[in-house]
Amino acid sequence: MVKFFNNDKGFGFITEEGSNTDHFVHISGLVDEIREGDKAEYTLTEGKKGLNAVNVKVI
């Protein structure tokens, strides 16, 4: 689920279902426009500071 996303700054965080783990998402990793509270599917990839969500789609 999308925990937070700021369109002006182009980033946010997605919380992994069933855990409290947050993953960074950058606007360049979006397939669909997302908003807080949206359920999303995504792929995780290694970034500079940990795992990042990419190919983010609203489900």
N, C-alpha and C. Protein backbone atom coordinates (compact mmCIF):
# COMPACT_ATOMS: atom_id res chain seq x y z
N MET A 1 0.85 -1.18 0.00
CA MET A 1 0.00 0.00 0.00
C MET A 1 0.90 1.24 0.00
N VAL A 2 0.46 2.27 -0.71
CA VAL A 2 1.21 3.52 -0.76
C VAL A 2 1.02 4.24 0.58
N LYS A 3 2.11 4.38 1.30
CA LYS A 3 2.08 5.03 2.61
C LYS A 3 2.11 6.55 2.45
N PHE A 4 2.94 7.02 1.51
CA PHE A 4 3.14 8.44 1.30
C PHE A 4 3.68 8.64 -0.10
N PHE A 5 3.21 9.66 -0.82
CA PHE A 5 3.83 10.03 -2.08
C PHE A 5 3.62 11.51 -2.32
N ASN A 6 4.72 12.22 -2.60
CA ASN A 6 4.68 13.65 -2.85
C ASN A 6 4.98 13.89 -4.33
N ASN A 7 3.95 14.26 -5.10
CA ASN A 7 4.13 14.48 -6.53
C ASN A 7 5.07 15.64 -6.82
N ASP A 8 5.04 16.69 -6.00
CA ASP A 8 5.90 17.85 -6.22
C ASP A 8 7.38 17.48 -6.09
N LYS A 9 7.69 16.63 -5.11
CA LYS A 9 9.09 16.24 -4.88
C LYS A 9 9.46 14.97 -5.65
N GLY A 10 8.45 14.20 -6.09
CA GLY A 10 8.69 13.05 -6.94
C GLY A 10 9.15 11.79 -6.23
N PHE A 11 8.77 11.64 -4.97
CA PHE A 11 9.14 10.41 -4.26
C PHE A 11 8.14 10.11 -3.16
N GLY A 12 8.26 8.88 -2.62
CA GLY A 12 7.41 8.47 -1.52
C GLY A 12 7.83 7.11 -1.01
N PHE A 13 6.91 6.47 -0.28
CA PHE A 13 7.20 5.17 0.32
C PHE A 13 6.00 4.25 0.18
N ILE A 14 6.29 2.98 -0.07
CA ILE A 14 5.28 1.94 -0.15
C ILE A 14 5.55 0.96 0.98
N THR A 15 4.49 0.60 1.71
CA THR A 15 4.62 -0.36 2.80
C THR A 15 4.29 -1.75 2.27
N GLU A 16 5.17 -2.69 2.56
CA GLU A 16 4.97 -4.07 2.13
C GLU A 16 3.82 -4.67 2.92
N GLU A 17 2.88 -5.30 2.22
CA GLU A 17 1.73 -5.91 2.90
C GLU A 17 2.18 -6.99 3.85
N GLY A 18 1.59 -7.02 5.04
CA GLY A 18 1.90 -8.04 6.02
C GLY A 18 3.15 -7.75 6.84
N SER A 19 3.76 -6.58 6.63
CA SER A 19 4.93 -6.22 7.44
C SER A 19 4.97 -4.71 7.60
N ASN A 20 5.91 -4.25 8.37
CA ASN A 20 6.09 -2.82 8.57
C ASN A 20 7.26 -2.28 7.76
N THR A 21 7.67 -3.00 6.72
CA THR A 21 8.80 -2.61 5.91
C THR A 21 8.37 -1.60 4.86
N ASP A 22 9.05 -0.45 4.82
CA ASP A 22 8.78 0.58 3.82
C ASP A 22 9.84 0.52 2.73
N HIS A 23 9.41 0.76 1.50
CA HIS A 23 10.33 0.80 0.37
C HIS A 23 10.21 2.16 -0.31
N PHE A 24 11.35 2.74 -0.63
CA PHE A 24 11.41 4.02 -1.33
C PHE A 24 10.90 3.85 -2.75
N VAL A 25 10.15 4.82 -3.23
CA VAL A 25 9.71 4.83 -4.63
C VAL A 25 9.95 6.22 -5.20
N HIS A 26 10.60 6.27 -6.36
CA HIS A 26 10.86 7.52 -7.07
C HIS A 26 9.88 7.62 -8.22
N ILE A 27 9.53 8.82 -8.59
CA ILE A 27 8.56 9.03 -9.67
C ILE A 27 8.98 8.33 -10.97
N SER A 28 10.28 8.16 -11.18
CA SER A 28 10.76 7.48 -12.39
C SER A 28 10.44 5.98 -12.37
N GLY A 29 10.08 5.44 -11.19
CA GLY A 29 9.75 4.02 -11.07
C GLY A 29 8.26 3.72 -11.21
N LEU A 30 7.48 4.75 -11.53
CA LEU A 30 6.03 4.57 -11.63
C LEU A 30 5.59 4.19 -13.04
N VAL A 31 4.64 3.26 -13.11
CA VAL A 31 3.95 2.95 -14.35
C VAL A 31 2.62 3.72 -14.35
N ASP A 32 1.95 3.73 -13.19
CA ASP A 32 0.69 4.44 -12.99
C ASP A 32 0.91 5.56 -11.98
N GLU A 33 0.05 6.57 -12.04
CA GLU A 33 0.07 7.62 -11.02
C GLU A 33 -0.45 7.01 -9.72
N ILE A 34 0.21 7.30 -8.61
CA ILE A 34 -0.19 6.73 -7.32
C ILE A 34 -0.54 7.83 -6.33
N ARG A 35 -1.36 7.43 -5.36
CA ARG A 35 -1.74 8.34 -4.27
C ARG A 35 -1.69 7.57 -2.96
N GLU A 36 -1.61 8.30 -1.88
CA GLU A 36 -1.63 7.69 -0.56
C GLU A 36 -2.84 6.78 -0.42
N GLY A 37 -2.61 5.56 0.10
CA GLY A 37 -3.69 4.61 0.31
C GLY A 37 -3.94 3.66 -0.83
N ASP A 38 -3.35 3.93 -2.01
CA ASP A 38 -3.52 3.02 -3.15
C ASP A 38 -2.85 1.68 -2.86
N LYS A 39 -3.47 0.59 -3.31
CA LYS A 39 -2.81 -0.71 -3.29
C LYS A 39 -2.02 -0.80 -4.58
N ALA A 40 -0.79 -1.27 -4.47
CA ALA A 40 0.08 -1.30 -5.64
C ALA A 40 0.88 -2.58 -5.70
N GLU A 41 1.24 -2.98 -6.93
CA GLU A 41 2.18 -4.07 -7.12
C GLU A 41 3.44 -3.45 -7.69
N TYR A 42 4.57 -4.07 -7.39
CA TYR A 42 5.85 -3.48 -7.77
C TYR A 42 6.95 -4.52 -7.73
N THR A 43 8.08 -4.16 -8.28
CA THR A 43 9.27 -4.99 -8.24
C THR A 43 10.29 -4.26 -7.38
N LEU A 44 11.04 -5.01 -6.60
CA LEU A 44 12.09 -4.40 -5.77
C LEU A 44 13.43 -4.53 -6.47
N THR A 45 14.20 -3.46 -6.42
CA THR A 45 15.54 -3.45 -6.99
C THR A 45 16.48 -2.76 -6.00
N GLU A 46 17.73 -3.15 -6.01
CA GLU A 46 18.72 -2.59 -5.07
C GLU A 46 19.07 -1.17 -5.50
N GLY A 47 18.96 -0.24 -4.56
CA GLY A 47 19.32 1.16 -4.80
C GLY A 47 20.51 1.55 -3.95
N LYS A 48 20.86 2.82 -3.96
CA LYS A 48 22.01 3.32 -3.20
C LYS A 48 21.85 3.12 -1.70
N LYS A 49 20.59 3.23 -1.21
CA LYS A 49 20.36 3.15 0.23
C LYS A 49 19.42 2.01 0.61
N GLY A 50 19.38 0.97 -0.20
CA GLY A 50 18.50 -0.16 0.11
C GLY A 50 17.60 -0.48 -1.06
N LEU A 51 16.55 -1.23 -0.77
CA LEU A 51 15.63 -1.65 -1.82
C LEU A 51 14.68 -0.52 -2.24
N ASN A 52 14.48 -0.41 -3.55
CA ASN A 52 13.57 0.59 -4.12
C ASN A 52 12.46 -0.13 -4.88
N ALA A 53 11.27 0.44 -4.82
CA ALA A 53 10.14 -0.08 -5.59
C ALA A 53 10.20 0.52 -7.00
N VAL A 54 10.11 -0.34 -8.02
CA VAL A 54 10.06 0.11 -9.41
C VAL A 54 8.93 -0.63 -10.12
N ASN A 55 8.59 -0.18 -11.32
CA ASN A 55 7.47 -0.76 -12.08
C ASN A 55 6.20 -0.78 -11.23
N VAL A 56 5.95 0.34 -10.55
CA VAL A 56 4.82 0.44 -9.62
C VAL A 56 3.53 0.66 -10.39
N LYS A 57 2.55 -0.25 -10.16
CA LYS A 57 1.24 -0.20 -10.79
C LYS A 57 0.17 -0.26 -9.72
N VAL A 58 -0.89 0.50 -9.93
CA VAL A 58 -2.05 0.44 -9.02
C VAL A 58 -2.84 -0.81 -9.33
N ILE A 59 -3.26 -1.53 -8.25
CA ILE A 59 -4.10 -2.72 -8.47
C ILE A 59 -5.47 -2.51 -7.86
